[in-house]
Amino acid sequence: PQPPVGPVIFDEVYKDHMVITWKPPLDDGGSPITNYVVEKRDTNRDLWMPVTSAITKTTCKVPKLIEGRDYIIRICAENIYGMSDPLFSDEMKAKDRFSVPDAPEQPIIKNVTK
């Protein structure tokens, strides 16, 4: 089949996992897509780590991330004839969207009355 259609959308991003979505291939190569193979790679490393190879939907939770690291995701479509070329995501940092705010700055006295 052809590769899945991008872009890879990061629906949710947290310090330890992400939820991604993509679109199915435009051409399934004459046989229905049986599953997608999703892998992740820490941009500091060369090794692709499996996320899942049994998913049939075009959405996936990517678990076991290290906070503060950048990741790239690659997704291949598979059918009875084989596996497509991969769709690559942009880099995304594993971090919570919200964090504790900084302390307020020192107040400035503008006026003093008796």
PDB file of N, CA and C in Angstrom:
ATOM      1  N   PRO A   1       0.823  -1.213   0.000  1.00  0.00           N
ATOM      2  CA  PRO A   1       0.000   0.000   0.000  1.00  0.00           C
ATOM      3  C   PRO A   1       0.858   1.266   0.000  1.00  0.00           C
ATOM      4  N   GLN A   2       0.221   2.375  -0.308  1.00  0.00           N
ATOM      5  CA  GLN A   2       0.917   3.652  -0.174  1.00  0.00           C
ATOM      6  C   GLN A   2       1.060   3.988   1.312  1.00  0.00           C
ATOM      7  N   PRO A   3       1.942   4.943   1.655  1.00  0.00           N
ATOM      8  CA  PRO A   3       2.077   5.337   3.064  1.00  0.00           C
ATOM      9  C   PRO A   3       0.799   5.994   3.572  1.00  0.00           C
ATOM     10  N   PRO A   4       0.591   5.970   4.888  1.00  0.00           N
ATOM     11  CA  PRO A   4      -0.513   6.750   5.457  1.00  0.00           C
ATOM     12  C   PRO A   4      -0.350   8.226   5.086  1.00  0.00           C
ATOM     13  N   VAL A   5      -1.445   8.964   5.141  1.00  0.00           N
ATOM     14  CA  VAL A   5      -1.445  10.368   4.752  1.00  0.00           C
ATOM     15  C   VAL A   5      -1.242  11.240   5.992  1.00  0.00           C
ATOM     16  N   GLY A   6      -0.307  12.163   5.884  1.00  0.00           N
ATOM     17  CA  GLY A   6      -0.037  13.083   6.980  1.00  0.00           C
ATOM     18  C   GLY A   6      -0.799  14.376   6.819  1.00  0.00           C
ATOM     19  N   PRO A   7      -0.533  15.311   7.689  1.00  0.00           N
ATOM     20  CA  PRO A   7       0.499  15.202   8.717  1.00  0.00           C
ATOM     21  C   PRO A   7       0.044  14.356   9.904  1.00  0.00           C
ATOM     22  N   VAL A   8       1.019  13.895  10.675  1.00  0.00           N
ATOM     23  CA  VAL A   8       0.710  13.254  11.948  1.00  0.00           C
ATOM     24  C   VAL A   8       0.280  14.368  12.898  1.00  0.00           C
ATOM     25  N   ILE A   9      -0.902  14.225  13.468  1.00  0.00           N
ATOM     26  CA  ILE A   9      -1.438  15.247  14.370  1.00  0.00           C
ATOM     27  C   ILE A   9      -1.257  14.775  15.805  1.00  0.00           C
ATOM     28  N   PHE A  10      -0.693  15.647  16.629  1.00  0.00           N
ATOM     29  CA  PHE A  10      -0.528  15.356  18.051  1.00  0.00           C
ATOM     30  C   PHE A  10      -1.755  15.889  18.776  1.00  0.00           C
ATOM     31  N   ASP A  11      -2.732  15.008  19.020  1.00  0.00           N
ATOM     32  CA  ASP A  11      -3.981  15.415  19.655  1.00  0.00           C
ATOM     33  C   ASP A  11      -3.778  15.749  21.123  1.00  0.00           C
ATOM     34  N   GLU A  12      -2.925  14.992  21.790  1.00  0.00           N
ATOM     35  CA  GLU A  12      -2.629  15.214  23.204  1.00  0.00           C
ATOM     36  C   GLU A  12      -1.139  15.005  23.405  1.00  0.00           C
ATOM     37  N   VAL A  13      -0.518  15.874  24.203  1.00  0.00           N
ATOM     38  CA  VAL A  13       0.908  15.752  24.499  1.00  0.00           C
ATOM     39  C   VAL A  13       1.094  15.909  26.010  1.00  0.00           C
ATOM     40  N   TYR A  14       1.735  14.936  26.616  1.00  0.00           N
ATOM     41  CA  TYR A  14       2.010  14.963  28.052  1.00  0.00           C
ATOM     42  C   TYR A  14       3.467  14.601  28.276  1.00  0.00           C
ATOM     43  N   LYS A  15       3.908  14.652  29.542  1.00  0.00           N
ATOM     44  CA  LYS A  15       5.312  14.380  29.826  1.00  0.00           C
ATOM     45  C   LYS A  15       5.682  12.921  29.630  1.00  0.00           C
ATOM     46  N   ASP A  16       4.701  12.008  29.669  1.00  0.00           N
ATOM     47  CA  ASP A  16       5.015  10.579  29.568  1.00  0.00           C
ATOM     48  C   ASP A  16       4.307   9.863  28.427  1.00  0.00           C
ATOM     49  N   HIS A  17       3.402  10.538  27.718  1.00  0.00           N
ATOM     50  CA  HIS A  17       2.741   9.907  26.563  1.00  0.00           C
ATOM     51  C   HIS A  17       2.151  10.968  25.637  1.00  0.00           C
ATOM     52  N   MET A  18       1.810  10.521  24.416  1.00  0.00           N
ATOM     53  CA  MET A  18       1.163  11.371  23.419  1.00  0.00           C
ATOM     54  C   MET A  18       0.059  10.569  22.761  1.00  0.00           C
ATOM     55  N   VAL A  19      -0.932  11.266  22.223  1.00  0.00           N
ATOM     56  CA  VAL A  19      -1.959  10.628  21.410  1.00  0.00           C
ATOM     57  C   VAL A  19      -1.883  11.263  20.023  1.00  0.00           C
ATOM     58  N   ILE A  20      -1.732  10.402  19.003  1.00  0.00           N
ATOM     59  CA  ILE A  20      -1.547  10.880  17.632  1.00  0.00           C
ATOM     60  C   ILE A  20      -2.657  10.358  16.721  1.00  0.00           C
ATOM     61  N   THR A  21      -2.889  11.084  15.633  1.00  0.00           N
ATOM     62  CA  THR A  21      -3.812  10.621  14.587  1.00  0.00           C
ATOM     63  C   THR A  21      -3.186  10.904  13.224  1.00  0.00           C
ATOM     64  N   TRP A  22      -3.668  10.166  12.235  1.00  0.00           N
ATOM     65  CA  TRP A  22      -3.233  10.333  10.847  1.00  0.00           C
ATOM     66  C   TRP A  22      -4.375   9.860   9.964  1.00  0.00           C
ATOM     67  N   LYS A  23      -4.169   9.937   8.648  1.00  0.00           N
ATOM     68  CA  LYS A  23      -5.201   9.492   7.700  1.00  0.00           C
ATOM     69  C   LYS A  23      -4.729   8.224   6.994  1.00  0.00           C
ATOM     70  N   PRO A  24      -5.661   7.383   6.569  1.00  0.00           N
ATOM     71  CA  PRO A  24      -5.264   6.154   5.864  1.00  0.00           C
ATOM     72  C   PRO A  24      -4.643   6.467   4.501  1.00  0.00           C
ATOM     73  N   PRO A  25      -3.938   5.491   3.915  1.00  0.00           N
ATOM     74  CA  PRO A  25      -3.347   5.709   2.587  1.00  0.00           C
ATOM     75  C   PRO A  25      -4.414   6.018   1.542  1.00  0.00           C
ATOM     76  N   LEU A  26      -4.019   6.798   0.537  1.00  0.00           N
ATOM     77  CA  LEU A  26      -4.937   7.080  -0.567  1.00  0.00           C
ATOM     78  C   LEU A  26      -5.185   5.823  -1.395  1.00  0.00           C
ATOM     79  N   ASP A  27      -4.172   4.954  -1.500  1.00  0.00           N
ATOM     80  CA  ASP A  27      -4.279   3.719  -2.274  1.00  0.00           C
ATOM     81  C   ASP A  27      -3.847   2.554  -1.385  1.00  0.00           C
ATOM     82  N   ASP A  28      -4.741   1.591  -1.195  1.00  0.00           N
ATOM     83  CA  ASP A  28      -4.418   0.454  -0.322  1.00  0.00           C
ATOM     84  C   ASP A  28      -3.697  -0.673  -1.061  1.00  0.00           C
ATOM     85  N   GLY A  29      -3.368  -0.453  -2.338  1.00  0.00           N
ATOM     86  CA  GLY A  29      -2.623  -1.452  -3.103  1.00  0.00           C
ATOM     87  C   GLY A  29      -3.467  -2.642  -3.530  1.00  0.00           C
ATOM     88  N   GLY A  30      -4.782  -2.489  -3.495  1.00  0.00           N
ATOM     89  CA  GLY A  30      -5.663  -3.559  -3.965  1.00  0.00           C
ATOM     90  C   GLY A  30      -6.121  -4.506  -2.874  1.00  0.00           C
ATOM     91  N   SER A  31      -5.741  -4.251  -1.647  1.00  0.00           N
ATOM     92  CA  SER A  31      -6.162  -5.093  -0.533  1.00  0.00           C
ATOM     93  C   SER A  31      -6.357  -4.195   0.687  1.00  0.00           C
ATOM     94  N   PRO A  32      -7.384  -4.452   1.480  1.00  0.00           N
ATOM     95  CA  PRO A  32      -7.635  -3.590   2.639  1.00  0.00           C
ATOM     96  C   PRO A  32      -6.438  -3.548   3.592  1.00  0.00           C
ATOM     97  N   ILE A  33      -6.275  -2.405   4.246  1.00  0.00           N
ATOM     98  CA  ILE A  33      -5.226  -2.263   5.262  1.00  0.00           C
ATOM     99  C   ILE A  33      -5.614  -3.150   6.446  1.00  0.00           C
ATOM    100  N   THR A  34      -4.696  -4.024   6.841  1.00  0.00           N
ATOM    101  CA  THR A  34      -4.982  -4.921   7.970  1.00  0.00           C
ATOM    102  C   THR A  34      -4.563  -4.324   9.296  1.00  0.00           C
ATOM    103  N   ASN A  35      -3.513  -3.488   9.272  1.00  0.00           N
ATOM    104  CA  ASN A  35      -3.031  -2.875  10.517  1.00  0.00           C
ATOM    105  C   ASN A  35      -2.015  -1.789  10.192  1.00  0.00           C
ATOM    106  N   TYR A  36      -1.686  -1.016  11.215  1.00  0.00           N
ATOM    107  CA  TYR A  36      -0.640  -0.004  11.117  1.00  0.00           C
ATOM    108  C   TYR A  36       0.483  -0.375  12.075  1.00  0.00           C
ATOM    109  N   VAL A  37       1.713  -0.085  11.658  1.00  0.00           N
ATOM    110  CA  VAL A  37       2.887  -0.296  12.498  1.00  0.00           C
ATOM    111  C   VAL A  37       3.368   1.091  12.925  1.00  0.00           C
ATOM    112  N   VAL A  38       3.361   1.333  14.241  1.00  0.00           N
ATOM    113  CA  VAL A  38       3.737   2.642  14.786  1.00  0.00           C
ATOM    114  C   VAL A  38       5.012   2.466  15.604  1.00  0.00           C
ATOM    115  N   GLU A  39       5.998   3.339  15.329  1.00  0.00           N
ATOM    116  CA  GLU A  39       7.265   3.299  16.052  1.00  0.00           C
ATOM    117  C   GLU A  39       7.622   4.714  16.499  1.00  0.00           C
ATOM    118  N   LYS A  40       8.445   4.797  17.558  1.00  0.00           N
ATOM    119  CA  LYS A  40       8.885   6.099  18.072  1.00  0.00           C
ATOM    120  C   LYS A  40      10.405   6.106  18.132  1.00  0.00           C
ATOM    121  N   ARG A  41      10.964   7.328  18.050  1.00  0.00           N
ATOM    122  CA  ARG A  41      12.418   7.475  18.178  1.00  0.00           C
ATOM    123  C   ARG A  41      12.721   8.752  18.933  1.00  0.00           C
ATOM    124  N   ASP A  42      13.506   8.614  19.987  1.00  0.00           N
ATOM    125  CA  ASP A  42      14.056   9.770  20.688  1.00  0.00           C
ATOM    126  C   ASP A  42      15.049  10.407  19.727  1.00  0.00           C
ATOM    127  N   THR A  43      14.953  11.711  19.492  1.00  0.00           N
ATOM    128  CA  THR A  43      15.815  12.353  18.497  1.00  0.00           C
ATOM    129  C   THR A  43      17.287  12.321  18.894  1.00  0.00           C
ATOM    130  N   ASN A  44      17.586  11.996  20.154  1.00  0.00           N
ATOM    131  CA  ASN A  44      18.981  11.851  20.589  1.00  0.00           C
ATOM    132  C   ASN A  44      19.543  10.475  20.252  1.00  0.00           C
ATOM    133  N   ARG A  45      18.701   9.585  19.748  1.00  0.00           N
ATOM    134  CA  ARG A  45      19.137   8.215  19.486  1.00  0.00           C
ATOM    135  C   ARG A  45      18.807   7.827  18.043  1.00  0.00           C
ATOM    136  N   ASP A  46      19.427   6.741  17.582  1.00  0.00           N
ATOM    137  CA  ASP A  46      19.184   6.249  16.220  1.00  0.00           C
ATOM    138  C   ASP A  46      18.198   5.091  16.185  1.00  0.00           C
ATOM    139  N   LEU A  47      17.814   4.597  17.343  1.00  0.00           N
ATOM    140  CA  LEU A  47      17.025   3.371  17.428  1.00  0.00           C
ATOM    141  C   LEU A  47      15.523   3.658  17.424  1.00  0.00           C
ATOM    142  N   TRP A  48      14.804   3.005  16.501  1.00  0.00           N
ATOM    143  CA  TRP A  48      13.340   3.079  16.482  1.00  0.00           C
ATOM    144  C   TRP A  48      12.792   2.021  17.438  1.00  0.00           C
ATOM    145  N   MET A  49      11.871   2.435  18.300  1.00  0.00           N
ATOM    146  CA  MET A  49      11.265   1.524  19.272  1.00  0.00           C
ATOM    147  C   MET A  49       9.816   1.258  18.880  1.00  0.00           C
ATOM    148  N   PRO A  50       9.377  -0.012  18.920  1.00  0.00           N
ATOM    149  CA  PRO A  50       7.993  -0.306  18.559  1.00  0.00           C
ATOM    150  C   PRO A  50       7.000   0.272  19.563  1.00  0.00           C
ATOM    151  N   VAL A  51       5.914   0.799  19.052  1.00  0.00           N
ATOM    152  CA  VAL A  51       4.791   1.237  19.885  1.00  0.00           C
ATOM    153  C   VAL A  51       3.690   0.185  19.772  1.00  0.00           C
ATOM    154  N   THR A  52       3.289  -0.123  18.524  1.00  0.00           N
ATOM    155  CA  THR A  52       2.302  -1.173  18.275  1.00  0.00           C
ATOM    156  C   THR A  52       2.374  -1.587  16.813  1.00  0.00           C
ATOM    157  N   SER A  53       1.996  -2.826  16.564  1.00  0.00           N
ATOM    158  CA  SER A  53       1.862  -3.281  15.175  1.00  0.00           C
ATOM    159  C   SER A  53       0.498  -3.923  14.979  1.00  0.00           C
ATOM    160  N   ALA A  54      -0.375  -3.767  15.958  1.00  0.00           N
ATOM    161  CA  ALA A  54      -1.675  -4.437  15.903  1.00  0.00           C
ATOM    162  C   ALA A  54      -2.844  -3.460  15.827  1.00  0.00           C
ATOM    163  N   ILE A  55      -2.557  -2.195  15.575  1.00  0.00           N
ATOM    164  CA  ILE A  55      -3.631  -1.199  15.580  1.00  0.00           C
ATOM    165  C   ILE A  55      -4.282  -1.130  14.202  1.00  0.00           C
ATOM    166  N   THR A  56      -5.608  -1.041  14.192  1.00  0.00           N
ATOM    167  CA  THR A  56      -6.335  -0.941  12.923  1.00  0.00           C
ATOM    168  C   THR A  56      -6.943   0.448  12.737  1.00  0.00           C
ATOM    169  N   LYS A  57      -7.015   1.249  13.804  1.00  0.00           N
ATOM    170  CA  LYS A  57      -7.549   2.601  13.715  1.00  0.00           C
ATOM    171  C   LYS A  57      -6.424   3.571  13.356  1.00  0.00           C
ATOM    172  N   THR A  58      -6.794   4.789  12.970  1.00  0.00           N
ATOM    173  CA  THR A  58      -5.795   5.794  12.614  1.00  0.00           C
ATOM    174  C   THR A  58      -5.553   6.754  13.778  1.00  0.00           C
ATOM    175  N   THR A  59      -5.551   6.212  14.972  1.00  0.00           N
ATOM    176  CA  THR A  59      -5.195   6.958  16.169  1.00  0.00           C
ATOM    177  C   THR A  59      -4.467   6.014  17.112  1.00  0.00           C
ATOM    178  N   CYS A  60      -3.549   6.561  17.902  1.00  0.00           N
ATOM    179  CA  CYS A  60      -2.724   5.686  18.737  1.00  0.00           C
ATOM    180  C   CYS A  60      -2.170   6.460  19.921  1.00  0.00           C
ATOM    181  N   LYS A  61      -2.114   5.809  21.080  1.00  0.00           N
ATOM    182  CA  LYS A  61      -1.417   6.361  22.243  1.00  0.00           C
ATOM    183  C   LYS A  61       0.029   5.889  22.178  1.00  0.00           C
ATOM    184  N   VAL A  62       0.954   6.830  22.327  1.00  0.00           N
ATOM    185  CA  VAL A  62       2.390   6.531  22.323  1.00  0.00           C
ATOM    186  C   VAL A  62       2.873   6.652  23.772  1.00  0.00           C
ATOM    187  N   PRO A  63       3.061   5.519  24.467  1.00  0.00           N
ATOM    188  CA  PRO A  63       3.400   5.573  25.897  1.00  0.00           C
ATOM    189  C   PRO A  63       4.901   5.551  26.157  1.00  0.00           C
ATOM    190  N   LYS A  64       5.239   5.593  27.431  1.00  0.00           N
ATOM    191  CA  LYS A  64       6.621   5.404  27.913  1.00  0.00           C
ATOM    192  C   LYS A  64       7.590   6.419  27.312  1.00  0.00           C
ATOM    193  N   LEU A  65       7.224   7.690  27.400  1.00  0.00           N
ATOM    194  CA  LEU A  65       8.104   8.756  26.934  1.00  0.00           C
ATOM    195  C   LEU A  65       8.857   9.353  28.118  1.00  0.00           C
ATOM    196  N   ILE A  66       9.994   9.971  27.838  1.00  0.00           N
ATOM    197  CA  ILE A  66      10.800  10.615  28.871  1.00  0.00           C
ATOM    198  C   ILE A  66      10.565  12.121  28.768  1.00  0.00           C
ATOM    199  N   GLU A  67      10.169  12.728  29.887  1.00  0.00           N
ATOM    200  CA  GLU A  67       9.838  14.146  29.907  1.00  0.00           C
ATOM    201  C   GLU A  67      11.004  14.991  29.407  1.00  0.00           C
ATOM    202  N   GLY A  68      10.684  15.961  28.541  1.00  0.00           N
ATOM    203  CA  GLY A  68      11.684  16.882  28.032  1.00  0.00           C
ATOM    204  C   GLY A  68      12.401  16.420  26.774  1.00  0.00           C
ATOM    205  N   ARG A  69      12.227  15.166  26.387  1.00  0.00           N
ATOM    206  CA  ARG A  69      12.882  14.650  25.174  1.00  0.00           C
ATOM    207  C   ARG A  69      12.004  14.921  23.953  1.00  0.00           C
ATOM    208  N   ASP A  70      12.663  15.087  22.799  1.00  0.00           N
ATOM    209  CA  ASP A  70      11.955  15.239  21.526  1.00  0.00           C
ATOM    210  C   ASP A  70      11.825  13.874  20.869  1.00  0.00           C
ATOM    211  N   TYR A  71      10.649  13.632  20.290  1.00  0.00           N
ATOM    212  CA  TYR A  71      10.378  12.347  19.634  1.00  0.00           C
ATOM    213  C   TYR A  71       9.894  12.557  18.218  1.00  0.00           C
ATOM    214  N   ILE A  72      10.212  11.580  17.368  1.00  0.00           N
ATOM    215  CA  ILE A  72       9.651  11.479  16.018  1.00  0.00           C
ATOM    216  C   ILE A  72       8.896  10.159  15.967  1.00  0.00           C
ATOM    217  N   ILE A  73       7.743  10.184  15.322  1.00  0.00           N
ATOM    218  CA  ILE A  73       6.913   8.985  15.170  1.00  0.00           C
ATOM    219  C   ILE A  73       6.921   8.599  13.698  1.00  0.00           C
ATOM    220  N   ARG A  74       6.974   7.294  13.417  1.00  0.00           N
ATOM    221  CA  ARG A  74       6.795   6.848  12.038  1.00  0.00           C
ATOM    222  C   ARG A  74       5.704   5.783  12.006  1.00  0.00           C
ATOM    223  N   ILE A  75       4.904   5.841  10.938  1.00  0.00           N
ATOM    224  CA  ILE A  75       3.737   4.974  10.805  1.00  0.00           C
ATOM    225  C   ILE A  75       3.762   4.340   9.423  1.00  0.00           C
ATOM    226  N   CYS A  76       3.598   3.014   9.379  1.00  0.00           N
ATOM    227  CA  CYS A  76       3.488   2.282   8.113  1.00  0.00           C
ATOM    228  C   CYS A  76       2.128   1.591   8.066  1.00  0.00           C
ATOM    229  N   ALA A  77       1.551   1.527   6.873  1.00  0.00           N
ATOM    230  CA  ALA A  77       0.324   0.766   6.655  1.00  0.00           C
ATOM    231  C   ALA A  77       0.715  -0.627   6.165  1.00  0.00           C
ATOM    232  N   GLU A  78      -0.050  -1.637   6.590  1.00  0.00           N
ATOM    233  CA  GLU A  78       0.265  -3.005   6.193  1.00  0.00           C
ATOM    234  C   GLU A  78      -0.998  -3.685   5.677  1.00  0.00           C
ATOM    235  N   ASN A  79      -0.822  -4.490   4.612  1.00  0.00           N
ATOM    236  CA  ASN A  79      -1.894  -5.362   4.135  1.00  0.00           C
ATOM    237  C   ASN A  79      -1.270  -6.714   3.777  1.00  0.00           C
ATOM    238  N   ILE A  80      -2.047  -7.603   3.139  1.00  0.00           N
ATOM    239  CA  ILE A  80      -1.530  -8.950   2.874  1.00  0.00           C
ATOM    240  C   ILE A  80      -0.334  -8.946   1.926  1.00  0.00           C
ATOM    241  N   TYR A  81      -0.148  -7.844   1.164  1.00  0.00           N
ATOM    242  CA  TYR A  81       0.951  -7.779   0.212  1.00  0.00           C
ATOM    243  C   TYR A  81       2.223  -7.197   0.813  1.00  0.00           C
ATOM    244  N   GLY A  82       2.139  -6.624   2.001  1.00  0.00           N
ATOM    245  CA  GLY A  82       3.351  -6.078   2.611  1.00  0.00           C
ATOM    246  C   GLY A  82       3.112  -4.765   3.321  1.00  0.00           C
ATOM    247  N   MET A  83       4.219  -4.053   3.567  1.00  0.00           N
ATOM    248  CA  MET A  83       4.182  -2.832   4.343  1.00  0.00           C
ATOM    249  C   MET A  83       4.531  -1.635   3.469  1.00  0.00           C
ATOM    250  N   SER A  84       3.869  -0.514   3.737  1.00  0.00           N
ATOM    251  CA  SER A  84       4.113   0.717   2.978  1.00  0.00           C
ATOM    252  C   SER A  84       5.412   1.379   3.433  1.00  0.00           C
ATOM    253  N   ASP A  85       5.833   2.384   2.675  1.00  0.00           N
ATOM    254  CA  ASP A  85       6.878   3.285   3.155  1.00  0.00           C
ATOM    255  C   ASP A  85       6.299   4.047   4.348  1.00  0.00           C
ATOM    256  N   PRO A  86       7.163   4.566   5.226  1.00  0.00           N
ATOM    257  CA  PRO A  86       6.650   5.226   6.423  1.00  0.00           C
ATOM    258  C   PRO A  86       6.204   6.669   6.199  1.00  0.00           C
ATOM    259  N   LEU A  87       5.268   7.078   7.044  1.00  0.00           N
ATOM    260  CA  LEU A  87       4.899   8.482   7.226  1.00  0.00           C
ATOM    261  C   LEU A  87       5.620   8.930   8.492  1.00  0.00           C
ATOM    262  N   PHE A  88       6.370  10.033   8.416  1.00  0.00           N
ATOM    263  CA  PHE A  88       7.111  10.540   9.568  1.00  0.00           C
ATOM    264  C   PHE A  88       6.409  11.764  10.142  1.00  0.00           C
ATOM    265  N   SER A  89       6.415  11.869  11.462  1.00  0.00           N
ATOM    266  CA  SER A  89       5.874  13.057  12.119  1.00  0.00           C
ATOM    267  C   SER A  89       6.948  14.130  12.204  1.00  0.00           C
ATOM    268  N   ASP A  90       6.530  15.326  12.575  1.00  0.00           N
ATOM    269  CA  ASP A  90       7.477  16.351  12.995  1.00  0.00           C
ATOM    270  C   ASP A  90       7.983  15.968  14.385  1.00  0.00           C
ATOM    271  N   GLU A  91       9.017  16.654  14.854  1.00  0.00           N
ATOM    272  CA  GLU A  91       9.494  16.422  16.214  1.00  0.00           C
ATOM    273  C   GLU A  91       8.489  17.007  17.209  1.00  0.00           C
ATOM    274  N   MET A  92       8.325  16.314  18.335  1.00  0.00           N
ATOM    275  CA  MET A  92       7.450  16.816  19.392  1.00  0.00           C
ATOM    276  C   MET A  92       8.095  16.511  20.732  1.00  0.00           C
ATOM    277  N   LYS A  93       8.096  17.517  21.605  1.00  0.00           N
ATOM    278  CA  LYS A  93       8.690  17.363  22.938  1.00  0.00           C
ATOM    279  C   LYS A  93       7.655  16.774  23.894  1.00  0.00           C
ATOM    280  N   ALA A  94       8.091  15.788  24.675  1.00  0.00           N
ATOM    281  CA  ALA A  94       7.230  15.196  25.696  1.00  0.00           C
ATOM    282  C   ALA A  94       7.204  16.129  26.902  1.00  0.00           C
ATOM    283  N   LYS A  95       6.083  16.821  27.084  1.00  0.00           N
ATOM    284  CA  LYS A  95       5.951  17.722  28.228  1.00  0.00           C
ATOM    285  C   LYS A  95       4.470  17.972  28.495  1.00  0.00           C
ATOM    286  N   ASP A  96       4.171  18.255  29.742  1.00  0.00           N
ATOM    287  CA  ASP A  96       2.808  18.638  30.079  1.00  0.00           C
ATOM    288  C   ASP A  96       2.532  20.020  29.500  1.00  0.00           C
ATOM    289  N   ARG A  97       1.306  20.224  29.057  1.00  0.00           N
ATOM    290  CA  ARG A  97       0.935  21.516  28.481  1.00  0.00           C
ATOM    291  C   ARG A  97       0.919  22.613  29.541  1.00  0.00           C
ATOM    292  N   PHE A  98       0.602  22.218  30.759  1.00  0.00           N
ATOM    293  CA  PHE A  98       0.482  23.190  31.835  1.00  0.00           C
ATOM    294  C   PHE A  98       1.544  22.913  32.871  1.00  0.00           C
ATOM    295  N   SER A  99       2.033  23.951  33.514  1.00  0.00           N
ATOM    296  CA  SER A  99       3.032  23.792  34.558  1.00  0.00           C
ATOM    297  C   SER A  99       2.766  24.808  35.655  1.00  0.00           C
ATOM    298  N   VAL A 100       3.475  24.659  36.726  1.00  0.00           N
ATOM    299  CA  VAL A 100       3.336  25.594  37.832  1.00  0.00           C
ATOM    300  C   VAL A 100       3.840  26.955  37.368  1.00  0.00           C
ATOM    301  N   PRO A 101       3.100  28.020  37.653  1.00  0.00           N
ATOM    302  CA  PRO A 101       3.564  29.338  37.204  1.00  0.00           C
ATOM    303  C   PRO A 101       4.780  29.796  38.001  1.00  0.00           C
ATOM    304  N   ASP A 102       5.516  30.732  37.420  1.00  0.00           N
ATOM    305  CA  ASP A 102       6.644  31.335  38.127  1.00  0.00           C
ATOM    306  C   ASP A 102       6.118  32.186  39.275  1.00  0.00           C
ATOM    307  N   ALA A 103       6.989  32.454  40.246  1.00  0.00           N
ATOM    308  CA  ALA A 103       6.618  33.336  41.360  1.00  0.00           C
ATOM    309  C   ALA A 103       6.390  34.737  40.817  1.00  0.00           C
ATOM    310  N   PRO A 104       5.495  35.495  41.438  1.00  0.00           N
ATOM    311  CA  PRO A 104       5.279  36.877  40.966  1.00  0.00           C
ATOM    312  C   PRO A 104       6.515  37.727  41.222  1.00  0.00           C
ATOM    313  N   GLU A 105       6.645  38.783  40.445  1.00  0.00           N
ATOM    314  CA  GLU A 105       7.769  39.689  40.637  1.00  0.00           C
ATOM    315  C   GLU A 105       7.552  40.541  41.878  1.00  0.00           C
ATOM    316  N   GLN A 106       8.605  41.181  42.317  1.00  0.00           N
ATOM    317  CA  GLN A 106       8.538  42.062  43.481  1.00  0.00           C
ATOM    318  C   GLN A 106       7.535  43.185  43.198  1.00  0.00           C
ATOM    319  N   PRO A 107       6.644  43.477  44.131  1.00  0.00           N
ATOM    320  CA  PRO A 107       5.682  44.556  43.880  1.00  0.00           C
ATOM    321  C   PRO A 107       6.380  45.908  43.805  1.00  0.00           C
ATOM    322  N   ILE A 108       5.803  46.817  43.049  1.00  0.00           N
ATOM    323  CA  ILE A 108       6.329  48.173  42.919  1.00  0.00           C
ATOM    324  C   ILE A 108       5.369  49.098  43.634  1.00  0.00           C
ATOM    325  N   ILE A 109       5.898  49.898  44.572  1.00  0.00           N
ATOM    326  CA  ILE A 109       5.051  50.851  45.303  1.00  0.00           C
ATOM    327  C   ILE A 109       4.896  52.098  44.437  1.00  0.00           C
ATOM    328  N   LYS A 110       3.661  52.440  44.122  1.00  0.00           N
ATOM    329  CA  LYS A 110       3.410  53.570  43.253  1.00  0.00           C
ATOM    330  C   LYS A 110       2.878  54.777  44.014  1.00  0.00           C
ATOM    331  N   ASN A 111       2.275  54.517  45.181  1.00  0.00           N
ATOM    332  CA  ASN A 111       1.645  55.626  45.887  1.00  0.00           C
ATOM    333  C   ASN A 111       1.572  55.260  47.367  1.00  0.00           C
ATOM    334  N   VAL A 112       1.837  56.241  48.240  1.00  0.00           N
ATOM    335  CA  VAL A 112       1.730  56.024  49.679  1.00  0.00           C
ATOM    336  C   VAL A 112       0.867  57.136  50.245  1.00  0.00           C
ATOM    337  N   THR A 113      -0.129  56.780  51.031  1.00  0.00           N
ATOM    338  CA  THR A 113      -0.975  57.801  51.696  1.00  0.00           C
ATOM    339  C   THR A 113      -1.005  57.533  53.175  1.00  0.00           C
ATOM    340  N   LYS A 114      -1.342  58.601  53.949  1.00  0.00           N
ATOM    341  CA  LYS A 114      -1.432  58.447  55.409  1.00  0.00           C
ATOM    342  C   LYS A 114      -2.784  57.952  55.799  1.00  0.00           C
TER     343      LYS A 114
END
